[in-house]
Amino acid sequence: MLFVLYAGLFMAFVILFGKTVQNEQKPRLLSANWAINLMSALFFVHCCRPYIGLRTHGVVQMFSGLQTEGGVSNHYIIHKAFYLFDYQKAVVEILYPNSRHFAYLMKNKLGTVGYKFSYYLLANSQVRLPLALRVNGKIYEIDSAPTFQAALPAFYKRRNWFERFYLDFRHTDLVPPTQCRH
């Protein structure tokens, strides 16, 4: 969150004190070039996405080890994550793997955000059963497709193209949050 504050202050200084014409007497809040204003605003929103629950993979972050998944945070100041969007609230841990991908997650003690797990399920309709999962502390033992849909109906919700394109979450450590690495 501190990075967001610094980025916002930097953007404000660029907007307030950057001049496009040498004879300008008074600083302007916005640049005369609308493309610069748009790009600045989009970059600022892009940098805020991990903090508001929209994305954790492929964004500019102050700390390379920032963890905001599952409602916890290893941020120095913000110890409990806050979300405007709930895409990363559920963390799925694989207890009984049935594929190489799930075995990799289990071996490396990695969880996946519920949204990403649901996308994996819908994209790979050949998920083999049985499967055992822990979702936010609750254990689910799945032995058939109807059992799966009944136990976790939110994971079978179809997403539109914008959500599939715009939202991407990295795998998260299942061990307690480590300190940020910078």
N, C-alpha and C. Protein backbone atom coordinates (compact mmCIF):
# COMPACT_ATOMS: atom_id res chain seq x y z
N MET A 1 0.82 -1.18 0.00
CA MET A 1 0.00 0.00 0.00
C MET A 1 0.87 1.25 0.00
N LEU A 2 2.03 1.13 0.64
CA LEU A 2 2.94 2.26 0.66
C LEU A 2 3.40 2.59 -0.76
N PHE A 3 3.58 1.55 -1.59
CA PHE A 3 3.97 1.76 -2.98
C PHE A 3 2.89 2.54 -3.72
N VAL A 4 1.63 2.25 -3.43
CA VAL A 4 0.53 2.97 -4.07
C VAL A 4 0.59 4.45 -3.68
N LEU A 5 0.89 4.71 -2.41
CA LEU A 5 1.01 6.09 -1.95
C LEU A 5 2.15 6.81 -2.68
N TYR A 6 3.32 6.16 -2.74
CA TYR A 6 4.46 6.76 -3.44
C TYR A 6 4.18 6.95 -4.93
N ALA A 7 3.56 5.95 -5.55
CA ALA A 7 3.23 6.07 -6.98
C ALA A 7 2.24 7.21 -7.20
N GLY A 8 1.27 7.34 -6.32
CA GLY A 8 0.30 8.43 -6.45
C GLY A 8 0.95 9.80 -6.28
N LEU A 9 1.84 9.92 -5.29
CA LEU A 9 2.55 11.18 -5.10
C LEU A 9 3.43 11.51 -6.30
N PHE A 10 4.12 10.51 -6.83
CA PHE A 10 4.96 10.71 -8.00
C PHE A 10 4.12 11.18 -9.19
N MET A 11 2.98 10.51 -9.39
CA MET A 11 2.10 10.89 -10.49
C MET A 11 1.59 12.33 -10.30
N ALA A 12 1.26 12.69 -9.06
CA ALA A 12 0.78 14.05 -8.79
C ALA A 12 1.87 15.09 -9.09
N PHE A 13 3.12 14.80 -8.70
CA PHE A 13 4.23 15.72 -8.99
C PHE A 13 4.45 15.87 -10.49
N VAL A 14 4.37 14.77 -11.21
CA VAL A 14 4.55 14.85 -12.67
C VAL A 14 3.44 15.69 -13.29
N ILE A 15 2.21 15.48 -12.84
CA ILE A 15 1.08 16.23 -13.40
C ILE A 15 1.15 17.70 -13.02
N LEU A 16 1.46 17.98 -11.75
CA LEU A 16 1.46 19.37 -11.28
C LEU A 16 2.64 20.19 -11.79
N PHE A 17 3.81 19.59 -11.84
CA PHE A 17 5.00 20.37 -12.14
C PHE A 17 5.58 20.12 -13.53
N GLY A 18 5.05 19.16 -14.24
CA GLY A 18 5.51 18.93 -15.60
C GLY A 18 4.82 19.91 -16.54
N LYS A 19 5.59 20.60 -17.33
CA LYS A 19 5.01 21.60 -18.24
C LYS A 19 5.25 21.16 -19.67
N THR A 20 4.26 21.39 -20.50
CA THR A 20 4.41 21.06 -21.91
C THR A 20 4.85 22.28 -22.72
N VAL A 21 4.59 23.47 -22.20
CA VAL A 21 4.96 24.70 -22.89
C VAL A 21 5.83 25.53 -21.94
N GLN A 22 6.90 26.10 -22.42
CA GLN A 22 7.83 26.84 -21.58
C GLN A 22 7.23 28.11 -21.01
N ASN A 23 6.30 28.74 -21.68
CA ASN A 23 5.75 30.02 -21.24
C ASN A 23 4.59 29.86 -20.26
N GLU A 24 4.25 28.68 -19.89
CA GLU A 24 3.12 28.44 -19.00
C GLU A 24 3.41 29.03 -17.62
N GLN A 25 2.51 29.80 -17.08
CA GLN A 25 2.70 30.42 -15.78
C GLN A 25 2.19 29.54 -14.64
N LYS A 26 1.06 28.92 -14.83
CA LYS A 26 0.40 28.17 -13.78
C LYS A 26 0.44 26.68 -14.11
N PRO A 27 0.82 25.82 -13.13
CA PRO A 27 0.82 24.38 -13.41
C PRO A 27 -0.62 23.87 -13.61
N ARG A 28 -0.76 22.89 -14.49
CA ARG A 28 -2.08 22.33 -14.77
C ARG A 28 -2.20 20.97 -14.10
N LEU A 29 -3.41 20.65 -13.70
CA LEU A 29 -3.65 19.37 -13.05
C LEU A 29 -3.46 18.22 -14.03
N LEU A 30 -3.87 18.41 -15.25
CA LEU A 30 -3.75 17.38 -16.26
C LEU A 30 -2.86 17.86 -17.39
N SER A 31 -2.25 16.89 -18.05
CA SER A 31 -1.41 17.21 -19.20
C SER A 31 -2.30 17.65 -20.36
N ALA A 32 -1.74 18.44 -21.23
CA ALA A 32 -2.47 18.86 -22.43
C ALA A 32 -2.69 17.68 -23.37
N ASN A 33 -1.84 16.68 -23.26
CA ASN A 33 -1.95 15.48 -24.09
C ASN A 33 -2.80 14.44 -23.37
N TRP A 34 -3.98 14.13 -23.87
CA TRP A 34 -4.91 13.21 -23.21
C TRP A 34 -4.34 11.80 -23.11
N ALA A 35 -3.47 11.40 -24.04
CA ALA A 35 -2.90 10.05 -24.01
C ALA A 35 -2.00 9.86 -22.79
N ILE A 36 -1.27 10.91 -22.41
CA ILE A 36 -0.41 10.83 -21.22
C ILE A 36 -1.27 10.67 -19.98
N ASN A 37 -2.37 11.41 -19.89
CA ASN A 37 -3.27 11.28 -18.74
C ASN A 37 -3.86 9.88 -18.65
N LEU A 38 -4.29 9.36 -19.78
CA LEU A 38 -4.88 8.02 -19.81
C LEU A 38 -3.86 6.96 -19.41
N MET A 39 -2.67 7.02 -19.95
CA MET A 39 -1.64 6.03 -19.63
C MET A 39 -1.24 6.11 -18.15
N SER A 40 -1.15 7.30 -17.60
CA SER A 40 -0.82 7.45 -16.18
C SER A 40 -1.90 6.83 -15.30
N ALA A 41 -3.13 7.09 -15.61
CA ALA A 41 -4.24 6.55 -14.83
C ALA A 41 -4.29 5.02 -14.93
N LEU A 42 -4.11 4.48 -16.14
CA LEU A 42 -4.15 3.02 -16.32
C LEU A 42 -2.99 2.35 -15.59
N PHE A 43 -1.81 2.94 -15.61
CA PHE A 43 -0.67 2.37 -14.90
C PHE A 43 -0.92 2.38 -13.40
N PHE A 44 -1.49 3.45 -12.88
CA PHE A 44 -1.79 3.54 -11.46
C PHE A 44 -2.80 2.46 -11.05
N VAL A 45 -3.84 2.26 -11.84
CA VAL A 45 -4.83 1.22 -11.55
C VAL A 45 -4.18 -0.16 -11.63
N HIS A 46 -3.32 -0.36 -12.62
CA HIS A 46 -2.61 -1.63 -12.78
C HIS A 46 -1.78 -1.96 -11.54
N CYS A 47 -1.12 -0.98 -10.97
CA CYS A 47 -0.29 -1.20 -9.79
C CYS A 47 -1.11 -1.47 -8.53
N CYS A 48 -2.35 -1.05 -8.50
CA CYS A 48 -3.20 -1.24 -7.33
C CYS A 48 -3.91 -2.59 -7.30
N ARG A 49 -3.88 -3.33 -8.37
CA ARG A 49 -4.70 -4.54 -8.47
C ARG A 49 -4.45 -5.59 -7.39
N PRO A 50 -3.22 -5.87 -6.94
CA PRO A 50 -3.08 -6.87 -5.88
C PRO A 50 -3.73 -6.44 -4.57
N TYR A 51 -3.75 -5.16 -4.31
CA TYR A 51 -4.28 -4.66 -3.05
C TYR A 51 -5.81 -4.67 -3.00
N ILE A 52 -6.46 -4.60 -4.15
CA ILE A 52 -7.92 -4.56 -4.15
C ILE A 52 -8.54 -5.89 -4.56
N GLY A 53 -7.71 -6.93 -4.78
CA GLY A 53 -8.21 -8.27 -5.03
C GLY A 53 -8.42 -8.64 -6.47
N LEU A 54 -7.81 -7.94 -7.41
CA LEU A 54 -8.07 -8.23 -8.81
C LEU A 54 -7.02 -9.09 -9.50
N ARG A 55 -5.78 -9.05 -9.07
CA ARG A 55 -4.74 -9.79 -9.79
C ARG A 55 -3.48 -9.84 -8.95
N THR A 56 -2.76 -10.96 -9.01
CA THR A 56 -1.48 -11.05 -8.31
C THR A 56 -0.34 -11.46 -9.24
N HIS A 57 -0.64 -11.86 -10.43
CA HIS A 57 0.38 -12.33 -11.37
C HIS A 57 0.60 -11.27 -12.45
N GLY A 58 1.85 -10.90 -12.65
CA GLY A 58 2.17 -9.99 -13.73
C GLY A 58 1.86 -8.53 -13.48
N VAL A 59 1.90 -8.10 -12.23
CA VAL A 59 1.69 -6.68 -11.94
C VAL A 59 2.94 -6.10 -11.29
N VAL A 60 3.09 -4.80 -11.37
CA VAL A 60 4.22 -4.12 -10.74
C VAL A 60 3.90 -4.01 -9.25
N GLN A 61 4.80 -4.56 -8.43
CA GLN A 61 4.60 -4.52 -6.99
C GLN A 61 5.85 -3.99 -6.33
N MET A 62 5.67 -3.33 -5.24
CA MET A 62 6.82 -2.83 -4.49
C MET A 62 7.65 -3.99 -3.96
N PHE A 63 6.99 -5.02 -3.45
CA PHE A 63 7.68 -6.15 -2.86
C PHE A 63 7.46 -7.39 -3.72
N SER A 64 8.52 -8.10 -4.03
CA SER A 64 8.38 -9.27 -4.90
C SER A 64 7.69 -10.42 -4.20
N GLY A 65 7.71 -10.46 -2.87
CA GLY A 65 7.08 -11.55 -2.14
C GLY A 65 5.76 -11.16 -1.52
N LEU A 66 5.13 -10.12 -2.00
CA LEU A 66 3.87 -9.68 -1.42
C LEU A 66 2.82 -10.77 -1.56
N GLN A 67 2.15 -11.08 -0.46
CA GLN A 67 1.10 -12.09 -0.47
C GLN A 67 -0.18 -11.47 0.06
N THR A 68 -1.22 -11.49 -0.76
CA THR A 68 -2.51 -10.92 -0.35
C THR A 68 -3.64 -11.92 -0.52
N GLU A 69 -3.33 -13.17 -0.83
CA GLU A 69 -4.36 -14.17 -1.10
C GLU A 69 -4.94 -14.71 0.21
N GLY A 70 -6.20 -15.08 0.16
CA GLY A 70 -6.85 -15.70 1.30
C GLY A 70 -7.13 -14.79 2.47
N GLY A 71 -7.13 -13.49 2.25
CA GLY A 71 -7.47 -12.55 3.31
C GLY A 71 -6.34 -12.23 4.26
N VAL A 72 -5.13 -12.75 4.00
CA VAL A 72 -3.97 -12.43 4.84
C VAL A 72 -2.99 -11.61 4.01
N SER A 73 -2.09 -10.95 4.71
CA SER A 73 -1.11 -10.14 4.01
C SER A 73 0.20 -10.17 4.77
N ASN A 74 1.30 -10.15 4.05
CA ASN A 74 2.61 -10.05 4.68
C ASN A 74 3.20 -8.66 4.48
N HIS A 75 2.35 -7.72 4.22
CA HIS A 75 2.78 -6.33 4.06
C HIS A 75 3.24 -5.81 5.41
N TYR A 76 4.22 -4.92 5.42
CA TYR A 76 4.75 -4.39 6.66
C TYR A 76 3.73 -3.58 7.45
N ILE A 77 2.84 -2.91 6.77
CA ILE A 77 1.88 -2.04 7.45
C ILE A 77 0.48 -2.64 7.46
N ILE A 78 0.04 -3.16 6.33
CA ILE A 78 -1.31 -3.70 6.21
C ILE A 78 -1.25 -5.21 6.46
N HIS A 79 -1.66 -5.64 7.65
CA HIS A 79 -1.53 -7.05 8.02
C HIS A 79 -2.75 -7.88 7.64
N LYS A 80 -3.83 -7.25 7.35
CA LYS A 80 -5.03 -7.96 6.89
C LYS A 80 -5.41 -7.37 5.54
N ALA A 81 -5.49 -8.26 4.55
CA ALA A 81 -5.81 -7.79 3.20
C ALA A 81 -7.24 -7.27 3.14
N PHE A 82 -7.44 -6.25 2.35
CA PHE A 82 -8.79 -5.75 2.11
C PHE A 82 -9.06 -5.90 0.62
N TYR A 83 -10.27 -6.21 0.29
CA TYR A 83 -10.61 -6.44 -1.11
C TYR A 83 -11.83 -5.61 -1.49
N LEU A 84 -11.76 -4.99 -2.64
CA LEU A 84 -12.96 -4.42 -3.23
C LEU A 84 -13.66 -5.50 -4.05
N PHE A 85 -12.89 -6.50 -4.49
CA PHE A 85 -13.40 -7.63 -5.27
C PHE A 85 -12.97 -8.91 -4.57
N ASP A 86 -13.79 -9.94 -4.59
CA ASP A 86 -13.51 -11.15 -3.81
C ASP A 86 -12.89 -12.30 -4.62
N TYR A 87 -12.21 -12.00 -5.68
CA TYR A 87 -11.64 -13.05 -6.52
C TYR A 87 -10.56 -13.87 -5.82
N GLN A 88 -9.83 -13.31 -4.88
CA GLN A 88 -8.75 -14.05 -4.24
C GLN A 88 -9.01 -14.38 -2.77
N LYS A 89 -10.27 -14.38 -2.37
CA LYS A 89 -10.60 -14.71 -0.98
C LYS A 89 -10.42 -16.20 -0.67
N ALA A 90 -10.82 -17.06 -1.60
CA ALA A 90 -10.73 -18.52 -1.37
C ALA A 90 -9.37 -19.02 -1.85
N VAL A 91 -8.69 -19.79 -0.99
CA VAL A 91 -7.44 -20.44 -1.37
C VAL A 91 -7.66 -21.94 -1.32
N VAL A 92 -7.31 -22.63 -2.41
CA VAL A 92 -7.52 -24.07 -2.53
C VAL A 92 -6.19 -24.77 -2.33
N GLU A 93 -6.19 -25.75 -1.41
CA GLU A 93 -5.02 -26.60 -1.18
C GLU A 93 -5.37 -28.01 -1.63
N ILE A 94 -4.50 -28.62 -2.41
CA ILE A 94 -4.73 -29.98 -2.89
C ILE A 94 -4.20 -30.94 -1.84
N LEU A 95 -5.06 -31.85 -1.33
CA LEU A 95 -4.66 -32.82 -0.33
C LEU A 95 -4.38 -34.19 -0.95
N TYR A 96 -5.12 -34.52 -1.98
CA TYR A 96 -4.93 -35.79 -2.69
C TYR A 96 -4.83 -35.47 -4.17
N PRO A 97 -3.61 -35.48 -4.72
CA PRO A 97 -3.47 -35.09 -6.13
C PRO A 97 -3.87 -36.21 -7.08
N ASN A 98 -4.41 -35.82 -8.21
CA ASN A 98 -4.78 -36.79 -9.23
C ASN A 98 -4.24 -36.41 -10.60
N SER A 99 -3.34 -35.45 -10.63
CA SER A 99 -2.72 -35.06 -11.89
C SER A 99 -1.33 -34.51 -11.59
N ARG A 100 -0.51 -34.38 -12.61
CA ARG A 100 0.85 -33.84 -12.40
C ARG A 100 0.81 -32.40 -11.90
N HIS A 101 -0.13 -31.63 -12.43
CA HIS A 101 -0.24 -30.23 -12.00
C HIS A 101 -0.58 -30.15 -10.51
N PHE A 102 -1.56 -30.93 -10.08
CA PHE A 102 -1.95 -30.92 -8.67
C PHE A 102 -0.84 -31.50 -7.79
N ALA A 103 -0.12 -32.52 -8.28
CA ALA A 103 0.99 -33.09 -7.52
C ALA A 103 2.10 -32.06 -7.32
N TYR A 104 2.36 -31.25 -8.35
CA TYR A 104 3.35 -30.18 -8.25
C TYR A 104 2.95 -29.19 -7.16
N LEU A 105 1.69 -28.80 -7.15
CA LEU A 105 1.22 -27.86 -6.13
C LEU A 105 1.38 -28.44 -4.74
N MET A 106 1.02 -29.72 -4.58
CA MET A 106 1.09 -30.34 -3.26
C MET A 106 2.54 -30.50 -2.81
N LYS A 107 3.40 -30.94 -3.70
CA LYS A 107 4.81 -31.16 -3.37
C LYS A 107 5.49 -29.86 -2.94
N ASN A 108 5.19 -28.77 -3.59
CA ASN A 108 5.81 -27.48 -3.30
C ASN A 108 5.04 -26.65 -2.29
N LYS A 109 4.03 -27.24 -1.66
CA LYS A 109 3.23 -26.56 -0.64
C LYS A 109 2.66 -25.25 -1.16
N LEU A 110 2.07 -25.34 -2.34
CA LEU A 110 1.46 -24.18 -2.97
C LEU A 110 -0.06 -24.35 -3.03
N GLY A 111 -0.76 -23.27 -2.82
CA GLY A 111 -2.19 -23.25 -3.01
C GLY A 111 -2.51 -22.44 -4.25
N THR A 112 -3.74 -22.48 -4.62
CA THR A 112 -4.16 -21.68 -5.76
C THR A 112 -5.41 -20.91 -5.38
N VAL A 113 -5.56 -19.74 -5.92
CA VAL A 113 -6.73 -18.92 -5.65
C VAL A 113 -7.96 -19.63 -6.23
N GLY A 114 -9.07 -19.56 -5.51
CA GLY A 114 -10.29 -20.25 -5.95
C GLY A 114 -10.70 -19.89 -7.36
N TYR A 115 -10.56 -18.63 -7.74
CA TYR A 115 -10.92 -18.22 -9.10
C TYR A 115 -10.07 -18.95 -10.13
N LYS A 116 -8.77 -19.05 -9.89
CA LYS A 116 -7.87 -19.73 -10.83
C LYS A 116 -8.17 -21.22 -10.87
N PHE A 117 -8.48 -21.80 -9.72
CA PHE A 117 -8.83 -23.22 -9.65
C PHE A 117 -10.10 -23.49 -10.44
N SER A 118 -11.09 -22.63 -10.31
CA SER A 118 -12.34 -22.82 -11.06
C SER A 118 -12.10 -22.71 -12.55
N TYR A 119 -11.23 -21.79 -12.95
CA TYR A 119 -10.89 -21.67 -14.37
C TYR A 119 -10.20 -22.94 -14.87
N TYR A 120 -9.31 -23.49 -14.05
CA TYR A 120 -8.63 -24.74 -14.41
C TYR A 120 -9.65 -25.87 -14.58
N LEU A 121 -10.60 -25.95 -13.67
CA LEU A 121 -11.63 -27.00 -13.76
C LEU A 121 -12.45 -26.87 -15.04
N LEU A 122 -12.86 -25.67 -15.37
CA LEU A 122 -13.69 -25.48 -16.55
C LEU A 122 -12.90 -25.65 -17.85
N ALA A 123 -11.62 -25.30 -17.83
CA ALA A 123 -10.80 -25.43 -19.04
C ALA A 123 -10.35 -26.87 -19.26
N ASN A 124 -10.25 -27.65 -18.18
CA ASN A 124 -9.80 -29.04 -18.26
C ASN A 124 -10.93 -29.94 -17.78
N SER A 125 -11.84 -30.25 -18.65
CA SER A 125 -13.02 -31.02 -18.26
C SER A 125 -12.68 -32.47 -17.91
N GLN A 126 -11.45 -32.89 -18.15
CA GLN A 126 -11.06 -34.26 -17.87
C GLN A 126 -10.38 -34.40 -16.50
N VAL A 127 -10.81 -33.64 -15.51
CA VAL A 127 -10.24 -33.74 -14.17
C VAL A 127 -10.60 -35.11 -13.61
N ARG A 128 -9.58 -35.84 -13.18
CA ARG A 128 -9.80 -37.20 -12.67
C ARG A 128 -10.19 -37.15 -11.20
N LEU A 129 -11.06 -38.03 -10.82
CA LEU A 129 -11.51 -38.15 -9.44
C LEU A 129 -11.03 -39.49 -8.90
N PRO A 130 -10.86 -39.68 -7.63
CA PRO A 130 -11.20 -38.81 -6.51
C PRO A 130 -10.18 -37.68 -6.34
N LEU A 131 -10.62 -36.70 -5.59
CA LEU A 131 -9.81 -35.52 -5.34
C LEU A 131 -10.15 -35.00 -3.95
N ALA A 132 -9.14 -34.64 -3.19
CA ALA A 132 -9.36 -34.08 -1.86
C ALA A 132 -8.78 -32.67 -1.83
N LEU A 133 -9.59 -31.73 -1.33
CA LEU A 133 -9.21 -30.32 -1.30
C LEU A 133 -9.45 -29.73 0.07
N ARG A 134 -8.70 -28.70 0.38
CA ARG A 134 -9.00 -27.87 1.54
C ARG A 134 -9.22 -26.47 1.01
N VAL A 135 -10.40 -25.93 1.24
CA VAL A 135 -10.74 -24.58 0.79
C VAL A 135 -11.02 -23.73 2.02
N ASN A 136 -10.11 -22.78 2.27
CA ASN A 136 -10.21 -21.90 3.45
C ASN A 136 -10.42 -22.69 4.74
N GLY A 137 -9.68 -23.80 4.88
CA GLY A 137 -9.72 -24.59 6.10
C GLY A 137 -10.73 -25.73 6.10
N LYS A 138 -11.68 -25.75 5.20
CA LYS A 138 -12.69 -26.80 5.15
C LYS A 138 -12.28 -27.86 4.12
N ILE A 139 -12.34 -29.15 4.53
CA ILE A 139 -11.89 -30.25 3.67
C ILE A 139 -13.07 -30.80 2.87
N TYR A 140 -12.83 -31.01 1.57
CA TYR A 140 -13.81 -31.60 0.67
C TYR A 140 -13.19 -32.84 0.04
N GLU A 141 -13.89 -33.98 0.16
CA GLU A 141 -13.46 -35.20 -0.52
C GLU A 141 -14.45 -35.45 -1.64
N ILE A 142 -13.96 -35.38 -2.86
CA ILE A 142 -14.81 -35.44 -4.04
C ILE A 142 -14.57 -36.77 -4.75
N ASP A 143 -15.66 -37.50 -5.00
CA ASP A 143 -15.50 -38.78 -5.70
C ASP A 143 -16.32 -38.86 -6.99
N SER A 144 -17.16 -37.85 -7.23
CA SER A 144 -17.94 -37.84 -8.48
C SER A 144 -18.22 -36.40 -8.88
N ALA A 145 -18.55 -36.20 -10.15
CA ALA A 145 -18.83 -34.85 -10.65
C ALA A 145 -20.02 -34.20 -9.95
N PRO A 146 -21.14 -34.92 -9.72
CA PRO A 146 -22.25 -34.28 -8.99
C PRO A 146 -21.86 -33.88 -7.56
N THR A 147 -21.03 -34.69 -6.92
CA THR A 147 -20.55 -34.34 -5.57
C THR A 147 -19.73 -33.05 -5.62
N PHE A 148 -18.91 -32.95 -6.66
CA PHE A 148 -18.07 -31.76 -6.84
C PHE A 148 -18.94 -30.51 -7.02
N GLN A 149 -19.91 -30.59 -7.90
CA GLN A 149 -20.77 -29.43 -8.16
C GLN A 149 -21.61 -29.07 -6.95
N ALA A 150 -22.03 -30.07 -6.18
CA ALA A 150 -22.83 -29.79 -4.99
C ALA A 150 -21.98 -29.17 -3.88
N ALA A 151 -20.74 -29.65 -3.73
CA ALA A 151 -19.88 -29.16 -2.66
C ALA A 151 -19.34 -27.76 -2.94
N LEU A 152 -18.98 -27.50 -4.17
CA LEU A 152 -18.35 -26.22 -4.53
C LEU A 152 -19.02 -25.60 -5.75
N PRO A 153 -20.28 -25.19 -5.63
CA PRO A 153 -20.98 -24.66 -6.81
C PRO A 153 -20.36 -23.38 -7.37
N ALA A 154 -19.72 -22.58 -6.53
CA ALA A 154 -19.12 -21.32 -7.01
C ALA A 154 -17.99 -21.58 -7.99
N PHE A 155 -17.36 -22.76 -7.89
CA PHE A 155 -16.25 -23.07 -8.78
C PHE A 155 -16.71 -23.47 -10.17
N TYR A 156 -18.01 -23.63 -10.37
CA TYR A 156 -18.52 -23.99 -11.68
C TYR A 156 -19.19 -22.83 -12.39
N LYS A 157 -18.99 -21.65 -11.89
CA LYS A 157 -19.57 -20.46 -12.52
C LYS A 157 -18.76 -20.09 -13.76
N ARG A 158 -19.42 -19.97 -14.88
CA ARG A 158 -18.75 -19.55 -16.12
C ARG A 158 -18.36 -18.08 -16.02
N ARG A 159 -17.20 -17.75 -16.53
CA ARG A 159 -16.71 -16.38 -16.50
C ARG A 159 -16.70 -15.81 -17.90
N ASN A 160 -16.88 -14.51 -18.01
CA ASN A 160 -16.88 -13.88 -19.34
C ASN A 160 -15.44 -13.69 -19.82
N TRP A 161 -15.30 -13.32 -21.06
CA TRP A 161 -13.97 -13.20 -21.67
C TRP A 161 -13.12 -12.14 -20.98
N PHE A 162 -13.75 -11.08 -20.50
CA PHE A 162 -13.00 -10.00 -19.85
C PHE A 162 -12.36 -10.49 -18.56
N GLU A 163 -13.11 -11.24 -17.75
CA GLU A 163 -12.56 -11.79 -16.51
C GLU A 163 -11.43 -12.78 -16.81
N ARG A 164 -11.62 -13.63 -17.78
CA ARG A 164 -10.59 -14.62 -18.12
C ARG A 164 -9.32 -13.93 -18.61
N PHE A 165 -9.45 -12.84 -19.33
CA PHE A 165 -8.28 -12.14 -19.87
C PHE A 165 -7.61 -11.27 -18.81
N TYR A 166 -8.39 -10.55 -18.04
CA TYR A 166 -7.88 -9.51 -17.16
C TYR A 166 -7.38 -10.05 -15.82
N LEU A 167 -8.01 -11.12 -15.31
CA LEU A 167 -7.67 -11.62 -13.98
C LEU A 167 -6.71 -12.79 -14.09
N ASP A 168 -5.59 -12.70 -13.40
CA ASP A 168 -4.63 -13.79 -13.38
C ASP A 168 -3.97 -13.80 -12.00
N PHE A 169 -3.96 -14.97 -11.38
CA PHE A 169 -3.43 -15.09 -10.03
C PHE A 169 -2.31 -16.11 -10.00
N ARG A 170 -1.26 -15.78 -9.30
CA ARG A 170 -0.16 -16.73 -9.15
C ARG A 170 -0.51 -17.72 -8.05
N HIS A 171 0.24 -18.82 -7.99
CA HIS A 171 0.07 -19.76 -6.88
C HIS A 171 0.62 -19.10 -5.62
N THR A 172 0.08 -19.48 -4.49
CA THR A 172 0.46 -18.84 -3.24
C THR A 172 1.05 -19.85 -2.26
N ASP A 173 1.95 -19.40 -1.42
CA ASP A 173 2.54 -20.25 -0.40
C ASP A 173 1.48 -20.61 0.63
N LEU A 174 1.46 -21.89 1.04
CA LEU A 174 0.50 -22.31 2.05
C LEU A 174 1.05 -22.16 3.46
N VAL A 175 2.35 -22.01 3.57
CA VAL A 175 2.96 -21.77 4.87
C VAL A 175 2.59 -20.35 5.29
N PRO A 176 2.70 -20.03 6.56
CA PRO A 176 2.37 -18.66 6.97
C PRO A 176 3.15 -17.65 6.13
N PRO A 177 2.57 -16.48 5.90
CA PRO A 177 3.21 -15.49 5.04
C PRO A 177 4.63 -15.17 5.48
N THR A 178 5.52 -15.16 4.52
CA THR A 178 6.90 -14.79 4.80
C THR A 178 7.04 -13.29 4.66
N GLN A 179 8.11 -12.75 5.19
CA GLN A 179 8.35 -11.32 5.03
C GLN A 179 8.63 -11.02 3.56
N CYS A 180 8.26 -9.86 3.14
CA CYS A 180 8.54 -9.44 1.76
C CYS A 180 10.05 -9.47 1.55
N ARG A 181 10.48 -9.78 0.33
CA ARG A 181 11.89 -10.01 0.07
C ARG A 181 12.67 -8.76 -0.31
N HIS A 182 12.12 -7.58 -0.26
CA HIS A 182 12.88 -6.37 -0.57
C HIS A 182 12.94 -5.48 0.65
